[in-house]
């Protein structure tokens, strides 16, 4: 597990853990030329969901107001309405920083029911997102790399 600090909506939120780093899946497209020779090219890329573990879910959590805004099922959604996506920052203990842009919670696990004396509740959130910004301080010199929306080949 990777130890990290999470920021949500621009503010430091809590310490958490990651079991894996963001991954991108790129589809393959087959092109057959006029001679019948098949060639493979990269197609649409999709960021895989990312599970963030051991997130503090107490009564003061910034997650709950965001979820209420995100999943306001009573509201009528108009075609030009904007979705309240968030920017989620993850800073690993080693200094690497990942920023998930246009993020939204795909699922939330509030954990098991526990009757111990500790009132602290930790859960896990699976985030979907469309873009990633990565800054590494483990590679000399410290550099930033912007990973754009999924690459595409247009035919």
C-alpha atoms as a PDB file:
ATOM      1  CA  UNK A   1       0.000   0.000   0.000  1.00  0.00           C
ATOM      2  CA  UNK A   2       1.137   3.528  -0.796  1.00  0.00           C
ATOM      3  CA  UNK A   3       0.630   6.079   1.991  1.00  0.00           C
ATOM      4  CA  UNK A   4      -0.586   9.443   0.723  1.00  0.00           C
ATOM      5  CA  UNK A   5      -2.349  12.696   1.551  1.00  0.00           C
ATOM      6  CA  UNK A   6      -5.575  13.485  -0.274  1.00  0.00           C
ATOM      7  CA  UNK A   7      -6.825  16.929  -1.276  1.00  0.00           C
ATOM      8  CA  UNK A   8     -10.429  17.446  -2.293  1.00  0.00           C
ATOM      9  CA  UNK A   9     -11.878  20.625  -3.743  1.00  0.00           C
ATOM     10  CA  UNK A  10      -8.539  22.374  -3.240  1.00  0.00           C
ATOM     11  CA  UNK A  11      -8.201  21.655   0.490  1.00  0.00           C
ATOM     12  CA  UNK A  12      -6.180  19.020   2.325  1.00  0.00           C
ATOM     13  CA  UNK A  13      -8.638  16.323   3.255  1.00  0.00           C
ATOM     14  CA  UNK A  14      -6.969  13.387   5.008  1.00  0.00           C
ATOM     15  CA  UNK A  15      -4.295  10.717   4.988  1.00  0.00           C
ATOM     16  CA  UNK A  16      -5.184   7.681   2.897  1.00  0.00           C
ATOM     17  CA  UNK A  17      -3.719   4.661   1.142  1.00  0.00           C
ATOM     18  CA  UNK A  18      -3.467   3.501  -2.469  1.00  0.00           C
ATOM     19  CA  UNK A  19      -3.084  -0.105  -3.499  1.00  0.00           C
ATOM     20  CA  UNK A  20      -2.207   0.916  -7.070  1.00  0.00           C
ATOM     21  CA  UNK A  21      -1.417   4.034  -9.065  1.00  0.00           C
ATOM     22  CA  UNK A  22      -3.586   5.392 -11.916  1.00  0.00           C
ATOM     23  CA  UNK A  23      -3.612   3.192 -15.027  1.00  0.00           C
ATOM     24  CA  UNK A  24      -4.654   3.919 -18.584  1.00  0.00           C
ATOM     25  CA  UNK A  25      -6.043   1.276 -20.934  1.00  0.00           C
ATOM     26  CA  UNK A  26      -5.559   1.934 -24.650  1.00  0.00           C
ATOM     27  CA  UNK A  27      -7.692   0.059 -27.140  1.00  0.00           C
ATOM     28  CA  UNK A  28      -6.117  -1.330 -30.289  1.00  0.00           C
ATOM     29  CA  UNK A  29      -7.510  -0.626 -33.730  1.00  0.00           C
ATOM     30  CA  UNK A  30      -6.893  -2.882 -36.709  1.00  0.00           C
ATOM     31  CA  UNK A  31      -6.237  -1.305 -40.105  1.00  0.00           C
ATOM     32  CA  UNK A  32      -6.139  -3.462 -43.220  1.00  0.00           C
ATOM     33  CA  UNK A  33      -4.508  -1.818 -46.223  1.00  0.00           C
ATOM     34  CA  UNK A  34      -5.370  -2.420 -49.886  1.00  0.00           C
ATOM     35  CA  UNK A  35      -2.951  -5.395 -50.000  1.00  0.00           C
ATOM     36  CA  UNK A  36      -4.718  -7.105 -47.106  1.00  0.00           C
ATOM     37  CA  UNK A  37      -1.895  -6.437 -44.638  1.00  0.00           C
ATOM     38  CA  UNK A  38      -3.168  -5.865 -41.123  1.00  0.00           C
ATOM     39  CA  UNK A  39      -1.596  -3.173 -38.957  1.00  0.00           C
ATOM     40  CA  UNK A  40      -2.424  -2.284 -35.376  1.00  0.00           C
ATOM     41  CA  UNK A  41      -2.571   1.302 -34.125  1.00  0.00           C
ATOM     42  CA  UNK A  42      -3.449   2.790 -30.735  1.00  0.00           C
ATOM     43  CA  UNK A  43      -7.088   3.736 -30.383  1.00  0.00           C
ATOM     44  CA  UNK A  44      -9.101   5.357 -27.631  1.00  0.00           C
ATOM     45  CA  UNK A  45      -7.525   5.447 -24.186  1.00  0.00           C
ATOM     46  CA  UNK A  46      -9.525   5.200 -20.973  1.00  0.00           C
ATOM     47  CA  UNK A  47      -8.344   5.860 -17.429  1.00  0.00           C
ATOM     48  CA  UNK A  48      -9.195   2.930 -15.173  1.00  0.00           C
ATOM     49  CA  UNK A  49     -11.028   3.669 -11.910  1.00  0.00           C
ATOM     50  CA  UNK A  50      -8.769   4.292  -8.915  1.00  0.00           C
ATOM     51  CA  UNK A  51      -9.568   3.015  -5.418  1.00  0.00           C
ATOM     52  CA  UNK A  52      -8.431   5.252  -2.548  1.00  0.00           C
ATOM     53  CA  UNK A  53      -8.451   3.330   0.762  1.00  0.00           C
ATOM     54  CA  UNK A  54      -8.561   4.374   4.422  1.00  0.00           C
ATOM     55  CA  UNK A  55     -10.322   7.680   3.802  1.00  0.00           C
ATOM     56  CA  UNK A  56     -11.621   9.354   6.942  1.00  0.00           C
ATOM     57  CA  UNK A  57     -15.434   9.472   6.803  1.00  0.00           C
ATOM     58  CA  UNK A  58     -16.510  11.421   9.876  1.00  0.00           C
ATOM     59  CA  UNK A  59     -19.397  13.861  10.376  1.00  0.00           C
ATOM     60  CA  UNK A  60     -17.203  16.814   9.305  1.00  0.00           C
ATOM     61  CA  UNK A  61     -16.189  15.166   6.045  1.00  0.00           C
ATOM     62  CA  UNK A  62     -16.084  17.349   2.923  1.00  0.00           C
ATOM     63  CA  UNK A  63     -17.158  14.261   0.987  1.00  0.00           C
ATOM     64  CA  UNK A  64     -20.801  14.474   2.108  1.00  0.00           C
ATOM     65  CA  UNK A  65     -21.627  18.001   0.794  1.00  0.00           C
ATOM     66  CA  UNK A  66     -19.921  17.133  -2.480  1.00  0.00           C
ATOM     67  CA  UNK A  67     -21.935  13.899  -2.750  1.00  0.00           C
ATOM     68  CA  UNK A  68     -25.183  15.776  -2.051  1.00  0.00           C
ATOM     69  CA  UNK A  69     -24.361  18.186  -4.857  1.00  0.00           C
ATOM     70  CA  UNK A  70     -23.155  15.422  -7.152  1.00  0.00           C
ATOM     71  CA  UNK A  71     -26.157  13.144  -6.657  1.00  0.00           C
ATOM     72  CA  UNK A  72     -29.043  15.551  -6.239  1.00  0.00           C
ATOM     73  CA  UNK A  73     -31.602  13.124  -7.631  1.00  0.00           C
ATOM     74  CA  UNK A  74     -34.485  15.503  -6.949  1.00  0.00           C
ATOM     75  CA  UNK A  75     -33.075  18.141  -9.285  1.00  0.00           C
ATOM     76  CA  UNK A  76     -34.158  18.436 -12.882  1.00  0.00           C
ATOM     77  CA  UNK A  77     -31.066  18.276 -15.077  1.00  0.00           C
ATOM     78  CA  UNK A  78     -31.035  20.601 -18.054  1.00  0.00           C
ATOM     79  CA  UNK A  79     -28.860  19.946 -21.136  1.00  0.00           C
ATOM     80  CA  UNK A  80     -26.527  22.869 -20.360  1.00  0.00           C
ATOM     81  CA  UNK A  81     -26.088  22.068 -16.643  1.00  0.00           C
ATOM     82  CA  UNK A  82     -22.580  21.440 -15.394  1.00  0.00           C
ATOM     83  CA  UNK A  83     -21.677  18.407 -13.329  1.00  0.00           C
ATOM     84  CA  UNK A  84     -19.836  19.248 -10.086  1.00  0.00           C
ATOM     85  CA  UNK A  85     -16.705  17.272 -10.878  1.00  0.00           C
ATOM     86  CA  UNK A  86     -13.823  17.694  -8.481  1.00  0.00           C
ATOM     87  CA  UNK A  87     -10.082  17.782  -8.656  1.00  0.00           C
ATOM     88  CA  UNK A  88      -8.624  15.136  -6.362  1.00  0.00           C
ATOM     89  CA  UNK A  89      -4.974  15.414  -5.378  1.00  0.00           C
ATOM     90  CA  UNK A  90      -2.907  12.508  -4.075  1.00  0.00           C
ATOM     91  CA  UNK A  91       0.570  13.162  -2.695  1.00  0.00           C
ATOM     92  CA  UNK A  92       2.564  10.036  -1.936  1.00  0.00           C
ATOM     93  CA  UNK A  93       5.057   9.801   0.925  1.00  0.00           C
ATOM     94  CA  UNK A  94       7.876   9.631  -1.642  1.00  0.00           C
ATOM     95  CA  UNK A  95       6.917  13.099  -2.938  1.00  0.00           C
ATOM     96  CA  UNK A  96       5.176  12.084  -6.172  1.00  0.00           C
ATOM     97  CA  UNK A  97       1.911  13.953  -6.800  1.00  0.00           C
ATOM     98  CA  UNK A  98      -1.064  12.751  -8.823  1.00  0.00           C
ATOM     99  CA  UNK A  99      -3.968  15.078  -9.658  1.00  0.00           C
ATOM    100  CA  UNK A 100      -7.166  13.460 -10.929  1.00  0.00           C
ATOM    101  CA  UNK A 101      -9.162  15.992 -12.947  1.00  0.00           C
ATOM    102  CA  UNK A 102     -12.905  15.837 -13.608  1.00  0.00           C
ATOM    103  CA  UNK A 103     -13.167  13.207 -10.879  1.00  0.00           C
ATOM    104  CA  UNK A 104     -16.370  11.786  -9.470  1.00  0.00           C
ATOM    105  CA  UNK A 105     -17.044   8.930  -7.052  1.00  0.00           C
ATOM    106  CA  UNK A 106     -18.024   5.752  -8.862  1.00  0.00           C
ATOM    107  CA  UNK A 107     -18.542   3.888  -5.586  1.00  0.00           C
ATOM    108  CA  UNK A 108     -18.093   4.414  -1.861  1.00  0.00           C
ATOM    109  CA  UNK A 109     -17.444   1.662   0.662  1.00  0.00           C
ATOM    110  CA  UNK A 110     -18.234   2.869   4.174  1.00  0.00           C
ATOM    111  CA  UNK A 111     -16.541  -0.157   5.714  1.00  0.00           C
ATOM    112  CA  UNK A 112     -17.767  -2.823   8.082  1.00  0.00           C
ATOM    113  CA  UNK A 113     -20.020  -2.245  11.055  1.00  0.00           C
ATOM    114  CA  UNK A 114     -17.758  -2.076  14.086  1.00  0.00           C
ATOM    115  CA  UNK A 115     -18.836  -1.680  17.699  1.00  0.00           C
ATOM    116  CA  UNK A 116     -15.399  -0.947  19.130  1.00  0.00           C
ATOM    117  CA  UNK A 117     -14.746   2.142  21.211  1.00  0.00           C
ATOM    118  CA  UNK A 118     -13.095   4.018  18.314  1.00  0.00           C
ATOM    119  CA  UNK A 119     -15.682   6.284  16.598  1.00  0.00           C
ATOM    120  CA  UNK A 120     -13.371   6.920  13.626  1.00  0.00           C
ATOM    121  CA  UNK A 121     -14.782   5.562  10.379  1.00  0.00           C
ATOM    122  CA  UNK A 122     -12.559   4.797   7.426  1.00  0.00           C
ATOM    123  CA  UNK A 123     -13.845   3.872   4.014  1.00  0.00           C
ATOM    124  CA  UNK A 124     -12.776   3.545   0.409  1.00  0.00           C
ATOM    125  CA  UNK A 125     -13.815   5.580  -2.610  1.00  0.00           C
ATOM    126  CA  UNK A 126     -13.454   4.459  -6.213  1.00  0.00           C
ATOM    127  CA  UNK A 127     -12.894   7.519  -8.392  1.00  0.00           C
ATOM    128  CA  UNK A 128     -13.526   7.854 -12.135  1.00  0.00           C
ATOM    129  CA  UNK A 129     -11.732  10.706 -13.890  1.00  0.00           C
ATOM    130  CA  UNK A 130     -10.878  11.930 -17.367  1.00  0.00           C
ATOM    131  CA  UNK A 131      -7.430  13.492 -17.002  1.00  0.00           C
ATOM    132  CA  UNK A 132      -4.340  13.040 -14.840  1.00  0.00           C
ATOM    133  CA  UNK A 133      -1.535  15.418 -13.921  1.00  0.00           C
ATOM    134  CA  UNK A 134       1.577  13.719 -12.538  1.00  0.00           C
ATOM    135  CA  UNK A 135       4.543  15.375 -10.833  1.00  0.00           C
ATOM    136  CA  UNK A 136       7.498  13.210  -9.849  1.00  0.00           C
ATOM    137  CA  UNK A 137      10.196  14.101  -7.374  1.00  0.00           C
ATOM    138  CA  UNK A 138      11.702  10.615  -7.482  1.00  0.00           C
ATOM    139  CA  UNK A 139      13.078  11.199 -10.974  1.00  0.00           C
ATOM    140  CA  UNK A 140      15.972  13.661 -11.099  1.00  0.00           C
ATOM    141  CA  UNK A 141      15.406  16.494 -11.701  1.00  0.00           C
ATOM    142  CA  UNK A 142      11.900  16.964 -10.311  1.00  0.00           C
ATOM    143  CA  UNK A 143       9.579  17.255 -13.291  1.00  0.00           C
ATOM    144  CA  UNK A 144       5.916  17.516 -14.129  1.00  0.00           C
ATOM    145  CA  UNK A 145       4.115  15.555 -16.828  1.00  0.00           C
ATOM    146  CA  UNK A 146       0.625  16.305 -18.001  1.00  0.00           C
ATOM    147  CA  UNK A 147      -1.207  13.268 -19.261  1.00  0.00           C
ATOM    148  CA  UNK A 148      -3.988  14.517 -21.529  1.00  0.00           C
ATOM    149  CA  UNK A 149      -7.360  13.010 -22.191  1.00  0.00           C
ATOM    150  CA  UNK A 150      -7.226   9.588 -23.740  1.00  0.00           C
ATOM    151  CA  UNK A 151      -5.390   9.535 -27.079  1.00  0.00           C
ATOM    152  CA  UNK A 152      -7.447   8.757 -30.175  1.00  0.00           C
ATOM    153  CA  UNK A 153      -6.899   7.883 -33.786  1.00  0.00           C
ATOM    154  CA  UNK A 154      -9.574   9.315 -36.086  1.00  0.00           C
ATOM    155  CA  UNK A 155     -10.336   7.519 -39.348  1.00  0.00           C
END
